[in-house]
Protein backbone atom coordinates (compact mmCIF):
# COMPACT_ATOMS: atom_id res chain seq x y z
CA MET A 1 0.00 0.00 0.00
CA ALA A 2 1.19 3.50 -0.77
CA SER A 3 1.55 5.89 2.14
CA PRO A 4 -1.28 8.40 2.75
CA PRO A 5 -0.65 12.16 2.61
CA ALA A 6 0.84 13.72 5.72
CA PRO A 7 2.40 17.09 6.60
CA LEU A 8 6.16 17.32 6.35
CA THR A 9 7.93 16.75 9.64
CA ASP A 10 10.15 19.41 11.18
CA ALA A 11 13.13 17.21 10.34
CA GLU A 12 12.09 17.01 6.67
CA LYS A 13 11.65 20.78 6.49
CA GLU A 14 15.05 21.38 8.02
CA PHE A 15 16.65 18.86 5.66
CA PHE A 16 15.14 20.63 2.65
CA LEU A 17 16.29 24.03 3.89
CA GLU A 18 19.80 22.66 4.36
CA HIS A 19 20.19 20.42 1.31
CA GLY A 20 17.49 21.55 -1.12
CA TYR A 21 15.85 18.17 -1.69
CA LEU A 22 13.71 15.47 -0.11
CA LYS A 23 13.36 11.76 -0.80
CA LEU A 24 9.87 10.48 -0.07
CA THR A 25 9.26 6.72 0.07
CA ASN A 26 6.24 4.57 -0.77
CA CYS A 27 4.33 7.28 -2.65
CA PHE A 28 2.72 4.85 -5.11
CA THR A 29 2.64 1.08 -5.63
CA ARG A 30 4.42 -1.26 -8.01
CA GLU A 31 1.07 -2.01 -9.59
CA GLN A 32 0.55 1.69 -10.32
CA ALA A 33 4.06 1.94 -11.76
CA ALA A 34 3.46 -1.08 -14.01
CA GLU A 35 0.30 0.53 -15.36
CA VAL A 36 2.15 3.75 -16.22
CA CYS A 37 4.95 1.77 -17.91
CA GLU A 38 2.59 -0.51 -19.84
CA GLY A 39 3.68 -0.76 -23.47
CA VAL A 40 7.01 0.96 -22.89
CA TRP A 41 8.98 -1.63 -24.90
CA THR A 42 6.61 -1.35 -27.84
CA ARG A 43 6.96 2.41 -27.68
CA LEU A 44 10.76 2.08 -27.59
CA GLY A 45 10.83 -0.48 -30.38
CA MET A 46 13.12 -2.67 -28.26
CA SER A 47 12.99 -6.00 -26.44
CA PRO A 48 13.19 -6.19 -22.62
CA THR A 49 15.08 -9.51 -22.88
CA ASP A 50 17.46 -8.79 -25.76
CA LYS A 51 20.00 -6.09 -24.92
CA SER A 52 21.26 -6.11 -28.49
CA THR A 53 18.06 -4.20 -29.35
CA TRP A 54 18.82 -1.47 -26.80
CA ALA A 55 19.86 0.99 -29.46
CA ARG A 56 19.66 4.17 -27.37
CA GLU A 57 21.36 4.81 -24.05
CA ARG A 58 18.72 7.27 -22.82
CA THR A 59 15.30 8.09 -24.22
CA ASN A 60 13.13 11.03 -23.17
CA MET A 61 9.77 9.76 -24.39
CA PRO A 62 6.77 11.87 -25.41
CA SER A 63 3.54 11.46 -23.47
CA HIS A 64 0.32 9.68 -24.42
CA ARG A 65 -1.56 9.63 -21.10
CA THR A 66 -2.15 11.98 -18.19
CA PHE A 67 -2.98 11.09 -14.58
CA ASP A 68 -3.81 13.14 -11.49
CA ALA A 69 -0.84 13.35 -9.11
CA SER A 70 -3.09 14.03 -6.12
CA VAL A 71 -4.80 10.67 -6.73
CA PHE A 72 -1.84 8.70 -8.07
CA ALA A 73 0.67 9.82 -5.41
CA PRO A 74 -1.19 11.80 -2.70
CA LYS A 75 1.76 11.73 -0.29
CA ALA A 76 4.03 13.29 -2.90
CA TRP A 77 1.43 15.83 -3.99
CA SER A 78 0.86 16.90 -0.37
CA ALA A 79 4.61 17.49 0.05
CA ILE A 80 4.82 19.38 -3.26
CA CYS A 81 2.07 21.72 -2.08
CA GLU A 82 3.74 22.27 1.28
CA LEU A 83 7.14 23.03 -0.24
CA CYS A 84 5.57 25.54 -2.64
CA GLY A 85 3.54 27.36 0.03
CA GLY A 86 0.16 25.70 -0.50
CA GLU A 87 -1.88 24.27 -3.37
CA GLU A 88 -3.45 27.68 -3.99
CA ARG A 89 -0.05 28.96 -5.22
CA ILE A 90 0.44 26.11 -7.69
CA ALA A 91 -0.79 26.24 -11.29
CA PRO A 92 -3.54 23.60 -11.74
CA VAL A 93 -1.73 22.00 -14.70
CA SER A 94 1.02 20.91 -12.28
CA LYS A 95 -1.29 18.21 -10.97
CA ASP A 96 -1.11 16.46 -14.35
CA TRP A 97 1.59 13.80 -14.42
CA ARG A 98 2.24 12.16 -17.79
CA ASP A 99 3.74 8.95 -19.12
CA SER A 100 6.61 10.94 -20.67
CA LEU A 101 9.00 8.30 -19.38
CA ILE A 102 12.75 8.79 -19.21
CA VAL A 103 14.43 5.44 -19.86
CA ASN A 104 18.11 4.85 -19.14
CA LEU A 105 19.44 1.52 -20.49
CA GLY A 106 23.17 2.23 -20.42
CA THR A 107 25.52 1.02 -23.15
CA ALA A 108 27.42 -2.19 -23.81
CA GLU A 109 30.67 -0.19 -23.84
CA GLY A 110 29.89 1.41 -20.48
CA GLU A 111 28.69 -1.68 -18.64
CA GLY A 112 30.64 -2.04 -15.41
CA LYS A 113 32.41 1.29 -16.00
CA PRO A 114 30.59 4.06 -14.10
CA LYS A 115 31.80 7.65 -14.52
CA ALA A 116 32.58 9.88 -11.57
CA PRO A 117 29.84 12.51 -11.03
CA ARG A 118 32.13 15.36 -12.02
CA ASP A 119 32.84 13.67 -15.38
CA LEU A 120 29.20 13.30 -16.42
CA PRO A 121 28.44 15.43 -19.50
CA GLY A 122 24.82 16.37 -18.83
CA TRP A 123 24.90 18.80 -15.89
CA HIS A 124 22.12 21.39 -16.06
CA VAL A 125 19.18 23.04 -14.31
CA ASP A 126 15.74 22.16 -15.64
CA GLY A 127 13.68 24.64 -17.61
CA ASP A 128 14.77 24.70 -21.24
CA PHE A 129 11.51 26.41 -22.20
CA PHE A 130 11.90 29.85 -20.61
CA VAL A 131 14.31 32.67 -19.82
CA HIS A 132 15.42 32.21 -16.20
CA TYR A 133 15.14 34.65 -13.32
CA LEU A 134 15.63 34.10 -9.61
CA ASP A 135 11.84 34.20 -9.11
CA SER A 136 10.78 32.27 -12.23
CA PRO A 137 7.39 30.57 -11.70
CA GLU A 138 7.65 28.20 -14.69
CA GLN A 139 9.73 25.59 -12.84
CA ALA A 140 8.99 25.89 -9.13
CA LEU A 141 10.08 22.41 -8.13
CA LEU A 142 11.70 19.42 -9.84
CA VAL A 143 9.87 16.14 -9.20
CA THR A 144 11.35 12.70 -9.93
CA PRO A 145 9.13 9.64 -9.39
CA LEU A 146 10.91 6.28 -9.61
CA PHE A 147 9.08 3.70 -11.77
CA THR A 148 11.82 1.09 -11.41
CA ASP A 149 14.17 0.21 -8.57
CA ILE A 150 17.43 2.14 -8.94
CA GLU A 151 20.59 0.82 -7.30
CA PRO A 152 23.93 2.64 -7.06
CA GLN A 153 25.58 2.83 -10.52
CA GLY A 154 22.19 1.93 -12.01
CA GLY A 155 21.55 5.15 -13.89
CA GLY A 156 20.03 7.25 -11.13
CA THR A 157 20.02 11.03 -11.50
CA VAL A 158 23.01 12.64 -9.78
CA ILE A 159 22.32 15.91 -7.97
CA CYS A 160 24.61 18.65 -6.70
CA PRO A 161 23.11 20.38 -3.61
CA PRO A 162 25.89 23.02 -3.30
CA GLY A 163 25.05 24.15 -6.82
CA ILE A 164 21.82 25.75 -5.57
CA ASP A 165 23.78 28.52 -3.83
CA LEU A 166 26.00 29.12 -6.85
CA ILE A 167 23.13 29.33 -9.33
CA ALA A 168 20.89 31.39 -7.03
CA ASN A 169 23.59 34.02 -6.68
CA TRP A 170 24.19 34.04 -10.45
CA LEU A 171 20.48 34.71 -11.04
CA TYR A 172 20.39 37.31 -8.27
CA GLU A 173 23.20 39.16 -10.02
CA HIS A 174 21.41 39.01 -13.39
CA PRO A 175 17.89 40.39 -12.90
CA HIS A 176 17.70 40.97 -16.67
CA GLY A 177 17.50 37.19 -17.18
CA VAL A 178 19.68 34.35 -18.42
CA SER A 179 19.10 31.65 -21.02
CA PRO A 180 18.35 28.04 -20.01
CA TRP A 181 22.10 27.51 -20.47
CA MET A 182 22.79 30.36 -17.98
CA ARG A 183 24.08 32.89 -20.50
CA PRO A 184 23.17 36.50 -19.57
CA ARG A 185 20.74 38.29 -21.84
CA ASP A 186 23.38 40.78 -22.95
CA SER A 187 25.89 38.11 -24.02
CA VAL A 188 26.49 37.49 -27.74
CA ASP A 189 25.61 33.78 -27.42
CA PHE A 190 22.44 34.31 -25.37
CA LYS A 191 20.29 32.42 -27.91
CA VAL A 192 22.75 29.63 -28.67
CA GLU A 193 21.12 26.37 -27.59
CA LYS A 194 22.34 23.36 -25.71
CA SER A 195 25.79 24.17 -24.42
CA LEU A 196 26.44 22.92 -20.92
CA ASP A 197 29.96 24.35 -20.53
CA TRP A 198 28.83 26.90 -17.94
CA TYR A 199 27.55 24.16 -15.66
CA ARG A 200 30.66 22.03 -16.07
CA ASP A 201 32.84 25.00 -15.16
CA LEU A 202 30.74 25.53 -12.04
CA LEU A 203 31.44 21.98 -10.86
CA ARG A 204 35.08 22.90 -10.23
CA LYS A 205 33.90 24.67 -7.08
CA VAL A 206 32.11 21.57 -5.69
CA PRO A 207 33.92 19.00 -3.47
CA ASP A 208 33.81 15.37 -4.63
CA ASP A 209 31.80 14.23 -1.60
CA LYS A 210 28.92 16.66 -2.18
CA PHE A 211 27.28 14.82 -5.08
CA VAL A 212 24.23 12.64 -4.38
CA GLU A 213 22.97 9.74 -6.51
CA ALA A 214 19.16 9.47 -6.55
CA THR A 215 18.68 5.77 -5.83
CA GLY A 216 15.63 4.07 -4.38
CA LYS A 217 12.67 1.77 -4.86
CA VAL A 218 9.61 1.89 -7.07
CA GLY A 219 7.24 4.43 -5.56
CA ASP A 220 9.92 6.72 -4.17
CA VAL A 221 9.74 10.37 -5.24
CA TYR A 222 12.53 12.96 -5.10
CA LEU A 223 11.53 16.60 -4.69
CA LEU A 224 14.28 19.02 -5.69
CA HIS A 225 14.69 22.78 -5.39
CA PRO A 226 14.23 24.31 -8.87
CA LEU A 227 17.86 25.48 -8.94
CA MET A 228 19.21 22.01 -8.17
CA MET A 229 21.91 21.22 -10.71
CA HIS A 230 21.71 17.59 -11.83
CA SER A 231 22.75 15.14 -14.53
CA ALA A 232 21.77 11.79 -15.92
CA SER A 233 24.36 9.19 -14.97
CA ASP A 234 25.80 6.15 -16.71
CA ASN A 235 23.77 2.98 -16.14
CA ALA A 236 26.78 0.78 -15.54
CA LEU A 237 24.55 -2.05 -14.26
CA ARG A 238 22.43 -2.03 -17.46
CA ARG A 239 19.27 -2.68 -15.46
CA VAL A 240 16.27 -0.84 -16.84
CA ARG A 241 15.82 2.56 -15.17
CA ILE A 242 12.58 4.48 -15.69
CA ILE A 243 11.61 7.82 -14.16
CA THR A 244 9.68 10.93 -15.16
CA ASN A 245 10.17 14.63 -14.37
CA PRO A 246 6.71 16.21 -14.05
CA PRO A 247 7.21 19.99 -13.74
CA VAL A 248 5.59 22.11 -11.04
CA SER A 249 4.77 25.72 -11.93
CA LEU A 250 3.27 28.55 -9.89
CA ARG A 251 0.34 30.85 -10.57
CA GLU A 252 2.60 33.81 -9.70
CA PRO A 253 6.40 34.24 -9.49
CA HIS A 254 8.21 33.43 -6.27
CA CYS A 255 8.09 36.38 -3.90
CA PHE A 256 11.09 37.25 -1.73
CA ASP A 257 9.54 40.27 -0.02
CA ARG A 258 6.24 39.11 1.52
CA GLU A 259 4.67 41.57 3.94
CA ASP A 260 3.24 38.74 6.04
CA GLY A 261 6.47 36.74 5.95
CA ASN A 262 4.61 33.67 4.71
CA TYR A 263 7.40 32.38 2.54
CA SER A 264 7.32 28.92 1.01
CA LEU A 265 10.08 26.48 1.87
CA VAL A 266 11.41 26.86 -1.68
CA GLU A 267 11.54 30.64 -1.30
CA ARG A 268 13.23 30.33 2.09
CA ARG A 269 15.86 27.99 0.63
CA THR A 270 16.52 30.46 -2.21
CA MET A 271 16.93 33.39 0.16
CA LYS A 272 19.20 31.27 2.35
CA SER A 273 21.44 30.86 -0.72
CA ILE A 274 21.68 34.64 -1.07
CA GLY A 275 22.25 35.04 2.66
CA GLU A 276 19.30 37.34 3.31
CA GLU A 277 16.06 37.03 5.27
CA ASN A 278 14.28 38.77 2.40
CA LEU A 279 15.26 40.35 -0.89
CA LYS A 280 13.44 43.64 -0.60
CA GLY A 281 14.02 45.78 -3.64
CA TRP A 282 15.11 42.94 -5.94
CA LYS A 283 13.02 42.63 -9.11
CA ILE A 284 13.43 41.50 -12.68
CA THR A 285 14.44 44.16 -15.19
CA ALA A 286 13.39 42.54 -18.50
CA PRO A 287 10.29 40.72 -19.78
CA ARG A 288 9.59 37.06 -19.07
CA GLU A 289 9.97 35.02 -22.24
CA GLY A 290 9.29 31.51 -23.39
CA VAL A 291 11.74 29.40 -25.40
CA ILE A 292 10.86 26.61 -27.83
CA PRO A 293 13.53 23.95 -27.24
CA GLN A 294 14.77 21.54 -29.87
CA ARG A 295 13.57 18.59 -27.78
CA VAL A 296 9.93 19.50 -28.57
CA ARG A 297 10.49 18.90 -32.26
CA ILE A 298 12.39 15.69 -31.52
CA GLN A 299 9.63 14.36 -29.27
CA GLU A 300 6.92 15.17 -31.82
CA ALA A 301 8.71 12.96 -34.35
CA MET A 302 9.30 10.30 -31.71
CA LYS A 303 5.60 10.27 -30.80
CA ARG A 304 4.60 9.62 -34.39
CA GLU A 305 6.95 6.62 -34.49
CA GLU A 306 5.66 5.32 -31.14
CA MET A 307 2.05 5.55 -32.26
CA LYS A 308 2.89 3.64 -35.43
CA ARG A 309 4.51 0.81 -33.45
CA MET A 310 1.64 0.73 -30.94
CA GLU A 311 -0.93 0.46 -33.74
CA GLU A 312 1.04 -2.37 -35.37
CA GLN A 313 1.17 -4.17 -32.00
CA ARG A 314 -2.59 -3.70 -31.55
CA LYS A 315 -3.31 -5.17 -34.99
CA TYR A 316 -1.04 -8.13 -34.28
CA THR A 317 -2.76 -8.80 -30.95
CA VAL A 318 -6.23 -8.66 -32.54
CA ALA A 319 -5.18 -10.97 -35.36
CA ALA A 320 -3.66 -13.48 -32.94
CA ALA A 321 -6.74 -13.56 -30.66
């Protein structure tokens, strides 16, 4: 049985304020996970028992179905609401989780050869679809439900808690906005897409023992501060790893100067990074803007291929019945 919703404990709140993330256990059942992952191998066009068909190391799949997070994982949804300052602050669309599965199968060449966290190539902060500000409402929390068990070196997301402070201060110093790749608006390469060099350079300031691998069991859910730097890792075990990253957005931007002092835990963690009890006087100095990332076009093409394979599988099943 999945755990029922419950308020965060004082210890959980303090842990989030210190480290910028929480790991919740038993948020949904294995049966629920199996339902979400139904048909995943048909969608991938691969065989679960023949690794020679595992043609892609990692696949960010498009979605076909939507389910209500408050019903599917009420314990996780309750915690999401509490971290963000209450459900009334969250955009209603955030309750929609999708089967946009992220599958990590590793590679034959990398089996048994895990990379050190610092050497992973994919370090970033989520939110490739908007210009970033310190108070951006588009990505208010990063959520990672585990749909398979994930053991160490099994492809779990690696997070970098100290990076929150570094990125928060960068955004504080650039109220005119930065690109999803952290380039300031006034830089010549502001619109150049998909370069993670800035993040890799930032890692030089992080001690080796400060990285955390997001391992766990089916039904666990990680809740991460929106400025949590993270990367996919090598699946050296080559055991199937499936997660999703349903975004949480706010109705209004984060506020760091509330008259009543009713700051969310996410806002408090951000201000802690800056070293202030509030950020009175800080405000953005340029318009909020959306970005259309390349992955959208890739996933549209991928969805067409998935639907073709699923229809072929349906016809085969009907004919064989």
